[in-house]
Protein backbone atom coordinates (compact mmCIF):
# COMPACT_ATOMS: atom_id res chain seq x y z
CA UNK A 1 -39.61 -8.70 11.40
CA UNK A 2 -37.59 -7.36 8.67
CA UNK A 3 -36.36 -3.30 9.05
CA UNK A 4 -35.43 -3.52 5.30
CA UNK A 5 -35.97 -5.36 2.38
CA UNK A 6 -33.47 -8.16 1.31
CA UNK A 7 -31.52 -5.61 -0.81
CA UNK A 8 -31.29 -2.84 1.67
CA UNK A 9 -30.28 -5.39 4.38
CA UNK A 10 -27.12 -6.36 2.25
CA UNK A 11 -26.65 -2.69 1.28
CA UNK A 12 -26.49 -1.90 5.19
CA UNK A 13 -24.08 -4.93 5.66
CA UNK A 14 -21.57 -3.96 2.74
CA UNK A 15 -21.77 -0.47 4.55
CA UNK A 16 -20.97 -1.57 7.86
CA UNK A 17 -17.55 -3.76 7.11
CA UNK A 18 -16.22 -0.80 6.23
CA UNK A 19 -16.83 1.18 9.14
CA UNK A 20 -14.06 -0.33 10.44
CA UNK A 21 -11.59 4.17 9.40
CA UNK A 22 -10.61 8.22 10.14
CA UNK A 23 -9.55 11.38 11.61
CA UNK A 24 -6.57 12.39 10.11
CA UNK A 25 -3.56 12.87 12.27
CA UNK A 26 -0.72 14.85 10.74
CA UNK A 27 1.34 13.00 8.58
CA UNK A 28 4.84 12.80 6.68
CA UNK A 29 4.67 15.70 3.88
CA UNK A 30 2.94 13.98 0.81
CA UNK A 31 6.05 12.89 -1.75
CA UNK A 32 3.24 11.60 -4.45
CA UNK A 33 3.48 15.06 -6.36
CA UNK A 34 7.09 15.07 -7.05
CA UNK A 35 6.78 13.15 -10.25
CA UNK A 36 4.17 13.32 -12.79
CA UNK A 37 1.37 11.19 -12.98
CA UNK A 38 2.97 10.08 -16.69
CA UNK A 39 6.47 9.88 -15.05
CA UNK A 40 5.05 7.53 -12.57
CA UNK A 41 3.19 5.23 -14.60
CA UNK A 42 6.15 4.43 -16.71
CA UNK A 43 7.76 2.57 -13.67
CA UNK A 44 5.34 -0.71 -13.42
CA UNK A 45 5.24 -0.63 -17.35
CA UNK A 46 9.03 -0.95 -17.59
CA UNK A 47 9.43 -3.47 -14.86
CA UNK A 48 6.85 -5.76 -15.99
CA UNK A 49 8.00 -5.51 -19.49
CA UNK A 50 11.42 -6.28 -18.38
CA UNK A 51 10.58 -9.07 -16.20
CA UNK A 52 7.78 -10.65 -18.74
CA UNK A 53 4.60 -10.35 -16.58
CA UNK A 54 2.22 -9.83 -19.43
CA UNK A 55 -1.02 -9.89 -16.99
CA UNK A 56 0.31 -7.04 -15.00
CA UNK A 57 2.04 -5.20 -17.66
CA UNK A 58 -1.69 -5.12 -19.24
CA UNK A 59 -3.10 -3.28 -16.17
CA UNK A 60 0.15 -1.11 -15.99
CA UNK A 61 -0.34 -0.11 -19.72
CA UNK A 62 -4.04 0.56 -19.01
CA UNK A 63 -3.14 2.80 -16.14
CA UNK A 64 -0.27 4.77 -18.20
CA UNK A 65 -2.77 5.42 -20.93
CA UNK A 66 -5.18 6.43 -18.47
CA UNK A 67 -2.42 8.72 -16.71
CA UNK A 68 -1.75 10.91 -20.40
CA UNK A 69 1.32 8.61 -21.88
CA UNK A 70 0.38 8.84 -25.77
CA UNK A 71 0.31 5.58 -27.62
CA UNK A 72 4.07 6.50 -29.22
CA UNK A 73 5.19 7.23 -25.62
CA UNK A 74 4.17 3.76 -24.61
CA UNK A 75 5.61 2.25 -27.78
CA UNK A 76 8.75 4.32 -27.21
CA UNK A 77 9.25 2.70 -23.58
CA UNK A 78 9.09 -0.74 -25.05
CA UNK A 79 11.26 0.00 -27.92
CA UNK A 80 14.11 0.94 -25.53
CA UNK A 81 13.92 -1.87 -23.34
CA UNK A 82 15.11 -4.26 -26.13
CA UNK A 83 18.37 -2.66 -25.21
CA UNK A 84 18.20 -3.54 -21.35
CA UNK A 85 15.92 -6.61 -21.31
CA UNK A 86 16.48 -8.13 -24.79
CA UNK A 87 14.16 -8.50 -28.16
CA UNK A 88 12.04 -11.57 -26.70
CA UNK A 89 10.68 -9.06 -23.51
CA UNK A 90 10.59 -5.94 -25.60
CA UNK A 91 8.41 -7.57 -28.61
CA UNK A 92 6.19 -9.65 -25.96
CA UNK A 93 5.55 -6.24 -24.16
CA UNK A 94 4.69 -4.33 -27.77
CA UNK A 95 2.15 -7.34 -28.67
CA UNK A 96 0.76 -6.41 -25.05
CA UNK A 97 0.11 -3.03 -26.00
CA UNK A 98 -1.33 -3.84 -29.16
CA UNK A 99 -3.99 -5.78 -27.68
CA UNK A 100 -4.57 -3.14 -24.69
CA UNK A 101 -4.97 -0.08 -27.44
CA UNK A 102 -7.40 -2.39 -29.41
CA UNK A 103 -9.54 -3.33 -26.61
CA UNK A 104 -9.90 0.43 -25.11
CA UNK A 105 -10.96 1.43 -28.60
CA UNK A 106 -13.54 -1.19 -28.74
CA UNK A 107 -14.63 0.34 -25.38
CA UNK A 108 -15.04 3.62 -26.88
CA UNK A 109 -11.54 5.01 -25.46
CA UNK A 110 -9.57 6.83 -28.65
CA UNK A 111 -6.19 7.07 -27.24
CA UNK A 112 -4.06 9.86 -28.16
CA UNK A 113 -1.34 9.16 -31.16
CA UNK A 114 1.34 11.43 -30.07
CA UNK A 115 4.35 12.53 -31.89
CA UNK A 116 6.72 10.41 -33.84
CA UNK A 117 10.16 10.77 -33.42
CA UNK A 118 11.90 13.23 -36.08
CA UNK A 119 14.81 12.13 -38.50
CA UNK A 120 18.17 12.26 -36.82
CA UNK A 121 21.49 13.70 -38.53
CA UNK A 122 24.09 12.26 -37.08
CA UNK A 123 26.70 14.72 -37.60
CA UNK A 124 29.71 14.20 -38.00
CA UNK A 125 28.79 10.58 -37.16
CA UNK A 126 26.96 8.23 -35.88
CA UNK A 127 29.72 7.50 -33.16
CA UNK A 128 30.36 10.78 -32.46
CA UNK A 129 27.00 11.51 -32.17
CA UNK A 130 26.34 8.63 -29.78
CA UNK A 131 29.50 9.41 -27.61
CA UNK A 132 28.32 12.89 -27.16
CA UNK A 133 24.73 11.57 -26.05
CA UNK A 134 26.54 9.44 -23.79
CA UNK A 135 28.85 11.78 -22.56
CA UNK A 136 25.91 14.10 -21.42
CA UNK A 137 24.12 11.16 -19.68
CA UNK A 138 27.06 9.72 -17.70
CA UNK A 139 29.11 12.95 -17.13
CA UNK A 140 32.39 10.73 -18.15
CA UNK A 141 34.06 9.72 -21.37
CA UNK A 142 35.50 6.98 -19.44
CA UNK A 143 34.40 3.36 -21.11
CA UNK A 144 34.37 0.10 -18.95
CA UNK A 145 36.24 -2.77 -18.54
CA UNK A 146 33.61 -4.89 -20.59
CA UNK A 147 34.13 -2.40 -23.91
CA UNK A 148 38.00 -2.34 -23.39
CA UNK A 149 38.04 -6.02 -23.70
CA UNK A 150 35.45 -6.23 -26.42
CA UNK A 151 35.73 -2.79 -28.31
CA UNK A 152 33.00 -3.65 -30.71
CA UNK A 153 30.43 -3.65 -27.67
CA UNK A 154 31.41 0.32 -27.32
CA UNK A 155 30.53 1.15 -30.74
CA UNK A 156 27.22 -0.75 -30.53
CA UNK A 157 26.42 1.25 -27.16
CA UNK A 158 27.32 4.52 -28.47
CA UNK A 159 26.13 3.92 -32.36
CA UNK A 160 22.89 2.23 -31.49
CA UNK A 161 21.90 2.75 -27.73
CA UNK A 162 23.15 6.37 -27.50
CA UNK A 163 22.42 7.41 -31.12
CA UNK A 164 19.54 5.39 -32.55
CA UNK A 165 17.50 4.89 -29.41
CA UNK A 166 18.53 7.88 -27.07
CA UNK A 167 18.53 10.30 -30.02
CA UNK A 168 15.06 9.54 -30.90
CA UNK A 169 13.02 12.87 -29.53
CA UNK A 170 9.49 11.51 -29.02
CA UNK A 171 10.50 10.50 -25.15
CA UNK A 172 12.85 12.80 -23.20
CA UNK A 173 15.61 11.63 -21.18
CA UNK A 174 14.05 11.88 -17.80
CA UNK A 175 11.44 9.33 -19.02
CA UNK A 176 13.84 7.15 -20.57
CA UNK A 177 15.59 6.95 -17.45
CA UNK A 178 12.62 6.18 -15.49
CA UNK A 179 11.80 3.40 -17.67
CA UNK A 180 15.56 2.26 -17.62
CA UNK A 181 15.97 2.21 -13.64
CA UNK A 182 12.77 0.46 -13.26
CA UNK A 183 13.63 -2.32 -15.78
CA UNK A 184 17.16 -2.83 -14.28
CA UNK A 185 15.56 -2.78 -10.67
CA UNK A 186 12.90 -5.70 -12.06
CA UNK A 187 15.64 -7.96 -13.49
CA UNK A 188 18.11 -9.93 -11.25
CA UNK A 189 22.33 -9.61 -11.86
CA UNK A 190 22.06 -6.02 -13.04
CA UNK A 191 23.11 -3.89 -9.75
CA UNK A 192 26.22 -2.44 -11.55
CA UNK A 193 24.23 -1.30 -14.50
CA UNK A 194 21.41 0.25 -11.68
CA UNK A 195 23.82 1.98 -9.95
CA UNK A 196 25.18 3.68 -13.17
CA UNK A 197 21.70 4.60 -14.40
CA UNK A 198 20.81 6.15 -11.04
CA UNK A 199 23.74 8.21 -11.43
CA UNK A 200 22.64 9.14 -15.08
CA UNK A 201 19.22 10.08 -13.32
CA UNK A 202 21.08 12.63 -11.55
CA UNK A 203 22.62 14.12 -14.44
CA UNK A 204 19.48 14.37 -16.27
CA UNK A 205 17.89 16.39 -13.67
CA UNK A 206 16.20 14.13 -11.01
CA UNK A 207 16.30 15.10 -7.58
CA UNK A 208 17.30 13.22 -4.59
CA UNK A 209 13.52 13.29 -3.86
CA UNK A 210 12.65 12.19 -6.98
CA UNK A 211 14.93 9.54 -7.16
CA UNK A 212 13.62 8.48 -3.78
CA UNK A 213 10.16 8.47 -5.13
CA UNK A 214 11.11 6.35 -7.94
CA UNK A 215 12.61 3.74 -5.29
CA UNK A 216 9.50 3.84 -3.05
CA UNK A 217 7.04 2.71 -6.17
CA UNK A 218 9.44 0.01 -7.42
CA UNK A 219 9.09 -1.50 -4.24
CA UNK A 220 5.25 -0.93 -3.92
CA UNK A 221 4.43 -1.89 -7.46
CA UNK A 222 7.29 -4.22 -8.13
CA UNK A 223 8.50 -6.20 -5.06
CA UNK A 224 10.13 -5.39 -1.64
CA UNK A 225 13.67 -6.73 -2.56
CA UNK A 226 13.82 -4.94 -5.74
CA UNK A 227 13.06 -1.51 -4.38
CA UNK A 228 14.84 -1.97 -1.17
CA UNK A 229 17.86 -2.49 -3.69
CA UNK A 230 17.47 0.88 -4.98
CA UNK A 231 16.90 2.41 -1.85
CA UNK A 232 20.08 0.85 -0.39
CA UNK A 233 21.96 2.67 -3.42
CA UNK A 234 20.40 5.83 -3.35
CA UNK A 235 21.63 5.65 0.49
CA UNK A 236 25.06 5.21 -0.64
CA UNK A 237 24.73 7.98 -3.24
CA UNK A 238 23.62 10.46 -1.12
CA UNK A 239 24.24 9.73 2.59
CA UNK A 240 21.39 11.14 3.90
CA UNK A 241 19.22 10.06 6.97
CA UNK A 242 15.34 9.31 6.79
CA UNK A 243 12.66 12.59 6.16
CA UNK A 244 11.07 13.21 9.39
CA UNK A 245 7.95 15.53 10.14
CA UNK A 246 7.61 17.08 13.18
CA UNK A 247 3.62 17.03 14.41
CA UNK A 248 2.07 17.78 17.52
CA UNK A 249 3.48 18.22 20.96
CA UNK A 250 6.93 17.34 19.32
CA UNK A 251 6.02 13.91 17.98
CA UNK A 252 8.05 13.40 14.85
CA UNK A 253 7.06 10.90 12.01
CA UNK A 254 8.92 8.98 9.34
CA UNK A 255 7.56 6.88 6.39
CA UNK A 256 9.01 3.55 6.52
CA UNK A 257 8.56 0.45 4.44
CA UNK A 258 8.95 -3.47 5.37
CA UNK A 259 8.48 -6.81 3.85
CA UNK A 260 5.57 -9.20 4.27
CA UNK A 261 7.28 -11.75 2.03
CA UNK A 262 7.98 -9.82 -1.11
CA UNK A 263 5.19 -7.28 -0.66
CA UNK A 264 6.01 -3.96 0.69
CA UNK A 265 4.22 -2.69 3.70
CA UNK A 266 4.40 0.79 3.90
CA UNK A 267 3.98 2.64 7.67
CA UNK A 268 4.11 5.72 9.45
CA UNK A 269 6.96 5.89 12.44
CA UNK A 270 5.86 8.24 14.89
CA UNK A 271 8.75 9.26 17.27
CA UNK A 272 7.97 10.67 20.73
CA UNK A 273 9.20 14.28 21.71
CA UNK A 274 12.97 14.32 22.37
CA UNK A 275 13.33 11.17 20.95
CA UNK A 276 16.83 9.89 21.42
CA UNK A 277 18.38 7.23 18.87
CA UNK A 278 20.50 5.71 21.40
CA UNK A 279 17.61 4.89 23.61
CA UNK A 280 15.40 1.86 23.50
CA UNK A 281 11.59 2.50 23.79
CA UNK A 282 8.58 0.51 24.33
CA UNK A 283 6.68 0.41 20.85
CA UNK A 284 3.17 -0.45 19.58
CA UNK A 285 1.91 -1.36 16.35
CA UNK A 286 -1.58 -0.01 15.06
CA UNK A 287 -3.74 -1.64 12.33
CA UNK A 288 -6.23 0.08 10.98
CA UNK A 289 -10.20 -0.77 10.11
CA UNK A 290 -11.14 -2.51 6.69
CA UNK A 291 -11.29 0.00 4.22
CA UNK A 292 -8.94 2.20 6.40
CA UNK A 293 -5.50 3.33 5.76
CA UNK A 294 -2.91 4.26 7.81
CA UNK A 295 -3.48 8.17 7.84
CA UNK A 296 -6.78 7.93 9.30
CA UNK A 297 -8.01 6.68 12.78
CA UNK A 298 -4.95 4.35 13.26
CA UNK A 299 -2.88 7.07 12.61
CA UNK A 300 -4.85 9.28 15.19
CA UNK A 301 -4.01 6.43 17.83
CA UNK A 302 -0.57 6.20 16.64
CA UNK A 303 0.06 9.97 17.31
CA UNK A 304 -1.43 10.13 20.61
CA UNK A 305 -0.08 6.81 21.93
CA UNK A 306 3.48 8.56 20.71
CA UNK A 307 2.55 11.72 22.89
CA UNK A 308 3.02 9.36 25.80
CA UNK A 309 6.32 8.19 25.10
CA UNK A 310 5.87 5.32 22.67
CA UNK A 311 7.20 4.58 19.24
CA UNK A 312 4.39 3.88 17.36
CA UNK A 313 3.62 2.50 13.69
CA UNK A 314 0.83 2.80 11.65
CA UNK A 315 0.73 1.05 8.56
CA UNK A 316 -1.32 -0.01 5.34
CA UNK A 317 -2.41 -3.25 4.93
CA UNK A 318 -0.95 -5.00 2.09
CA UNK A 319 -2.75 -4.39 -1.29
CA UNK A 320 -4.34 -1.29 0.12
CA UNK A 321 -3.36 2.18 0.88
CA UNK A 322 0.39 3.07 -0.14
CA UNK A 323 1.44 -0.51 0.44
CA UNK A 324 1.93 -3.00 -2.66
CA UNK A 325 0.35 -6.16 -3.51
CA UNK A 326 -1.38 -7.04 -6.60
CA UNK A 327 -4.34 -7.32 -7.47
CA UNK A 328 -5.38 -4.16 -5.57
CA UNK A 329 -7.81 -3.82 -3.10
CA UNK A 330 -7.88 -7.49 -2.17
CA UNK A 331 -8.99 -8.41 1.19
CA UNK A 332 -6.86 -11.63 2.35
CA UNK A 333 -7.18 -12.30 5.86
CA UNK A 334 -4.31 -14.38 6.03
CA UNK A 335 -2.11 -12.03 4.49
CA UNK A 336 -3.59 -9.03 6.62
CA UNK A 337 -2.89 -11.09 9.75
CA UNK A 338 0.64 -11.78 8.37
CA UNK A 339 0.91 -8.06 7.91
CA UNK A 340 1.01 -7.83 12.12
CA UNK A 341 3.54 -10.37 12.01
CA UNK A 342 5.83 -8.50 9.48
CA UNK A 343 5.39 -5.06 11.63
CA UNK A 344 6.66 -7.08 14.57
CA UNK A 345 9.72 -8.20 12.63
CA UNK A 346 10.30 -4.42 11.64
CA UNK A 347 9.91 -3.19 15.32
CA UNK A 348 11.79 -5.88 16.63
CA UNK A 349 14.95 -5.32 14.82
CA UNK A 350 14.53 -1.14 15.19
CA UNK A 351 17.51 0.02 16.95
CA UNK A 352 15.44 2.25 19.24
CA UNK A 353 12.90 -0.04 19.96
CA UNK A 354 13.09 -2.42 22.86
CA UNK A 355 12.06 -5.82 21.59
CA UNK A 356 10.71 -7.53 24.91
CA UNK A 357 8.07 -4.32 25.07
CA UNK A 358 6.24 -4.09 21.87
CA UNK A 359 2.11 -4.24 22.21
CA UNK A 360 -0.48 -3.90 19.65
CA UNK A 361 -3.53 -2.09 18.92
CA UNK A 362 -6.18 -2.76 16.37
CA UNK A 363 -9.09 -0.82 15.48
CA UNK A 364 -12.43 -2.38 13.95
CA UNK A 365 -11.61 -5.21 11.67
CA UNK A 366 -7.86 -4.41 12.60
CA UNK A 367 -8.74 -5.36 16.02
CA UNK A 368 -9.92 -8.83 14.70
CA UNK A 369 -6.69 -9.41 13.15
CA UNK A 370 -4.60 -8.35 15.74
CA UNK A 371 -6.04 -10.65 18.02
CA UNK A 372 -5.54 -13.48 15.70
CA UNK A 373 -1.99 -12.57 15.13
CA UNK A 374 -1.35 -12.19 18.77
CA UNK A 375 -2.94 -15.76 19.71
CA UNK A 376 0.60 -17.11 18.44
CA UNK A 377 3.02 -14.15 17.99
CA UNK A 378 4.46 -14.16 21.27
CA UNK A 379 6.77 -11.03 20.81
CA UNK A 380 3.42 -9.06 21.04
CA UNK A 381 3.49 -8.36 25.01
CA UNK A 382 0.15 -6.84 25.23
CA UNK A 383 -3.04 -6.67 23.04
CA UNK A 384 -5.35 -3.83 22.68
CA UNK A 385 -8.51 -3.42 20.52
CA UNK A 386 -10.82 -0.30 19.83
CA UNK A 387 -14.21 -1.20 18.45
CA UNK A 388 -12.82 -4.90 17.39
CA UNK A 389 -14.91 -6.86 14.85
CA UNK A 390 -14.27 -10.42 13.89
CA UNK A 391 -14.34 -9.58 9.88
CA UNK A 392 -14.78 -13.37 8.96
CA UNK A 393 -18.17 -13.53 10.91
CA UNK A 394 -19.04 -10.29 9.93
CA UNK A 395 -18.84 -11.12 6.31
CA UNK A 396 -20.55 -14.55 6.82
CA UNK A 397 -23.36 -13.42 8.98
CA UNK A 398 -23.70 -9.90 8.63
CA UNK A 399 -24.27 -7.46 11.27
CA UNK A 400 -26.12 -9.31 14.40
CA UNK A 401 -26.67 -12.05 11.76
CA UNK A 402 -28.92 -10.23 9.41
CA UNK A 403 -26.93 -12.16 6.45
CA UNK A 404 -26.73 -15.65 7.63
CA UNK A 405 -29.64 -17.03 5.28
CA UNK A 406 -28.17 -15.67 2.31
CA UNK A 407 -24.19 -17.11 2.97
CA UNK A 408 -24.79 -20.08 0.56
CA UNK A 409 -26.28 -17.78 -2.14
CA UNK A 410 -23.71 -15.08 -1.76
CA UNK A 411 -20.85 -17.68 -2.06
CA UNK A 412 -22.61 -18.86 -5.15
CA UNK A 413 -22.45 -15.25 -6.84
CA UNK A 414 -18.48 -15.48 -5.49
CA UNK A 415 -18.05 -18.67 -7.66
CA UNK A 416 -19.68 -17.47 -10.62
CA UNK A 417 -17.74 -13.95 -10.45
CA UNK A 418 -14.46 -16.03 -10.12
CA UNK A 419 -15.53 -17.78 -13.36
CA UNK A 420 -16.49 -14.55 -15.29
CA UNK A 421 -13.08 -13.13 -14.37
CA UNK A 422 -10.97 -16.20 -15.03
CA UNK A 423 -12.61 -15.99 -18.80
CA UNK A 424 -11.33 -12.42 -18.96
CA UNK A 425 -14.08 -10.10 -17.56
CA UNK A 426 -13.06 -7.17 -15.51
CA UNK A 427 -12.80 -7.70 -11.53
CA UNK A 428 -15.75 -6.63 -9.49
CA UNK A 429 -15.35 -4.21 -6.73
CA UNK A 430 -18.10 -3.86 -4.11
CA UNK A 431 -18.21 -0.60 -1.78
CA UNK A 432 -17.11 -0.82 2.02
CA UNK A 433 -19.75 2.36 2.89
CA UNK A 434 -22.21 4.27 1.10
CA UNK A 435 -21.01 6.53 -1.64
CA UNK A 436 -23.49 9.10 -1.25
CA UNK A 437 -26.15 10.35 1.32
CA UNK A 438 -28.95 9.39 -1.31
CA UNK A 439 -27.83 5.69 -1.48
CA UNK A 440 -28.47 5.01 2.53
CA UNK A 441 -31.96 3.26 2.71
CA UNK A 442 -34.52 5.00 4.50
CA UNK A 443 -34.78 3.70 8.34
CA UNK A 444 -31.15 2.84 8.55
CA UNK A 445 -29.52 3.37 11.83
CA UNK A 446 -27.24 5.96 12.64
CA UNK A 447 -24.34 3.70 12.15
CA UNK A 448 -24.68 3.26 8.42
CA UNK A 449 -25.24 7.04 8.46
CA UNK A 450 -22.23 7.73 10.41
CA UNK A 451 -20.08 5.20 8.35
CA UNK A 452 -21.12 7.53 4.92
CA UNK A 453 -19.98 10.71 7.11
CA UNK A 454 -16.84 9.18 8.55
CA UNK A 455 -15.58 7.94 5.19
CA UNK A 456 -16.88 10.07 2.48
CA UNK A 457 -16.97 13.38 3.81
CA UNK A 458 -13.95 15.69 4.98
CA UNK A 459 -14.51 14.24 8.52
CA UNK A 460 -12.24 11.38 8.06
CA UNK A 461 -12.04 10.87 3.87
CA UNK A 462 -8.32 10.33 2.57
CA UNK A 463 -7.54 9.65 -1.00
CA UNK A 464 -5.81 6.47 -0.26
CA UNK A 465 -8.94 5.24 1.22
CA UNK A 466 -10.90 4.68 -2.29
CA UNK A 467 -14.02 2.78 -0.43
CA UNK A 468 -13.82 -0.71 -2.62
CA UNK A 469 -12.72 -3.96 -2.35
CA UNK A 470 -12.80 -7.12 -4.38
CA UNK A 471 -15.82 -9.06 -4.54
CA UNK A 472 -14.24 -12.41 -4.99
CA UNK A 473 -12.24 -11.97 -1.39
CA UNK A 474 -15.44 -12.80 0.04
CA UNK A 475 -14.76 -16.41 -0.27
CA UNK A 476 -11.43 -16.12 2.00
CA UNK A 477 -13.04 -13.90 4.32
CA UNK A 478 -16.08 -16.16 4.92
CA UNK A 479 -13.43 -19.13 5.74
CA UNK A 480 -12.16 -16.89 8.18
CA UNK A 481 -12.41 -16.71 12.24
CA UNK A 482 -10.50 -14.23 14.40
CA UNK A 483 -11.74 -15.47 17.83
CA UNK A 484 -11.10 -19.07 17.44
CA UNK A 485 -8.38 -19.05 20.17
CA UNK A 486 -8.46 -16.05 22.12
CA UNK A 487 -7.53 -17.94 25.40
CA UNK A 488 -3.92 -18.70 23.68
CA UNK A 489 -3.22 -14.97 24.15
CA UNK A 490 -3.29 -15.43 27.81
CA UNK A 491 -1.01 -15.26 30.24
CA UNK A 492 -0.08 -12.04 27.94
CA UNK A 493 -2.90 -9.09 28.60
CA UNK A 494 -5.67 -8.44 26.39
CA UNK A 495 -7.79 -5.11 26.54
CA UNK A 496 -11.17 -4.32 24.69
CA UNK A 497 -12.19 -0.86 24.28
CA UNK A 498 -15.87 -0.45 23.23
CA UNK A 499 -18.54 2.32 22.94
CA UNK A 500 -21.38 1.11 25.20
CA UNK A 501 -23.87 2.35 22.38
CA UNK A 502 -22.23 0.43 19.90
CA UNK A 503 -23.96 -1.97 17.81
CA UNK A 504 -20.49 -4.06 17.16
CA UNK A 505 -20.17 -4.61 21.14
CA UNK A 506 -21.00 -8.35 20.94
CA UNK A 507 -17.61 -9.02 19.06
CA UNK A 508 -15.82 -7.67 22.32
CA UNK A 509 -18.19 -9.41 24.62
CA UNK A 510 -17.61 -12.80 22.68
CA UNK A 511 -13.75 -12.02 22.67
CA UNK A 512 -13.78 -11.23 26.50
CA UNK A 513 -15.77 -14.27 27.28
CA UNK A 514 -13.34 -16.49 25.28
CA UNK A 515 -10.33 -14.88 26.93
CA UNK A 516 -8.27 -16.29 29.94
CA UNK A 517 -7.12 -13.84 32.64
CA UNK A 518 -5.53 -11.14 32.49
CA UNK A 519 -8.21 -9.48 30.01
CA UNK A 520 -10.45 -6.41 30.50
CA UNK A 521 -13.28 -4.91 28.62
CA UNK A 522 -13.83 -1.03 28.93
CA UNK A 523 -16.82 0.67 27.90
CA UNK A 524 -16.82 4.29 26.65
CA UNK A 525 -20.24 5.78 27.55
CA UNK A 526 -22.06 7.34 25.04
CA UNK A 527 -20.20 6.20 22.51
CA UNK A 528 -20.99 4.19 18.97
CA UNK A 529 -18.74 2.26 17.18
CA UNK A 530 -17.57 4.62 14.97
CA UNK A 531 -17.41 7.41 17.51
CA UNK A 532 -14.25 5.54 18.94
CA UNK A 533 -12.43 6.42 15.87
CA UNK A 534 -12.10 10.21 16.19
CA UNK A 535 -14.78 12.11 18.65
CA UNK A 536 -12.64 14.19 20.85
CA UNK A 537 -15.07 13.75 23.57
CA UNK A 538 -14.21 9.74 23.47
CA UNK A 539 -10.86 8.98 21.99
CA UNK A 540 -8.84 10.75 24.69
CA UNK A 541 -10.87 8.36 27.40
CA UNK A 542 -9.45 5.62 24.99
CA UNK A 543 -5.81 6.82 25.05
CA UNK A 544 -5.83 7.33 28.56
CA UNK A 545 -6.88 3.66 29.26
CA UNK A 546 -4.36 2.39 26.67
CA UNK A 547 -1.82 4.41 28.26
CA UNK A 548 -2.22 3.08 31.71
CA UNK A 549 -2.66 -0.63 29.89
CA UNK A 550 0.79 -0.60 27.98
CA UNK A 551 2.68 1.19 30.72
CA UNK A 552 1.68 -1.54 33.32
CA UNK A 553 2.31 -4.35 30.67
CA UNK A 554 5.16 -3.25 28.73
CA UNK A 555 7.59 -2.81 31.66
């Protein structure tokens, strides 16, 4: 007997697959507000224009205009870049801007034109004017060896770059330096110029924190290698250690980044009380649910386990949260699984982590990805999950198989949507959970209501968890299976923790049945699937069990 009509069943399925994040553990201070939205939007615009990536530039320009850039400010950024990236890249980018503005106008968006540059009086001469601007920006009157070798280049720099371009007053010096730093970071062979312009950034008033924010956004928006190069230069420039924030019970948290190929993965590294950088600790990496972020339930468990003496790492999946990767909100199970290997790379090379004592904890869909990675990732010495689901099976069949008869129809829709997007239509997103209480169908079980309450109310809501994923991700997810070789984890141990009342417990039952010893299925009486994310009457039971498990096996 059907409890709901087909539309309701699909809606409930879509809601459940996101119920896999959020109690807000205390995290590092938010540095996202140290630059304005307009300033931050310049970074990908300049980088993609300089590298000639018109598709991503199109998206970045739309975001920049939405963030408050005027059309003339956007034009000025691209005009300036010809001096650093060349006329071809600048002209192509200007063509993309024209198409973006035209398309927005057709869609009823009338962007602000903004100021045009005022006429400049070059007194006493253009050369002297440019020299004065250059001196203000660089803090020196010295000229480089290339200018000495070919003096006309020095004339061009002063009269054209610093007089004609930097003298235009419709874009301030800070915005120009953000554009220049981002463009130089995106290109190869420009290390000397990049280092020089980071110093110019200081001279135009950027603080260390603001420059590090620029580096962070280059890393997540452009790429790991590009961002890491800027970070290394800033480390040399400021000679400062990583920022840490003290949380409950003496635990400290550092924001860290590491690469998954050239995607920058962002994590919060939790350090136990009385942390000694000269010692080596057992470590646990913690993966979040589908639709969740590191600040939610993954961060809560990372905090609680750090209180027990472990170094723990909660990280955002590629394409999600603060981590990099385009297109945003893609759910790619191969990349999600590789995130766990990349996190293991990071912990294995951390000077305060014992590489032979690394474990993994995955929550909800993160548990399925943790199992998948651990099947062949032997550096993970102990594997644990909380409310584990196999996201591939869940996408194919729905909860308890309710969508299995519609699998082929849904894949047909994915194919049609891919065709539409290949023809230039907008990307289609779907929600993980219901956005409002009114969307929940009558007769829905407590799990679906709990998903809304957890993700979309102050109980666990976080701005980086935006409750959407790309619809066409389904073709990759439906081909994925997390539990095909669970037995390969043995002889390493597997612990599966599940609420006794969880509708999803059959995933843990199946994993337990397939696994070889040593293995354990631990039930928390009275708890539902989502209760295990944050409820104070249930989480401590799981943490105690996890602590005993990891202490025994990460000896």
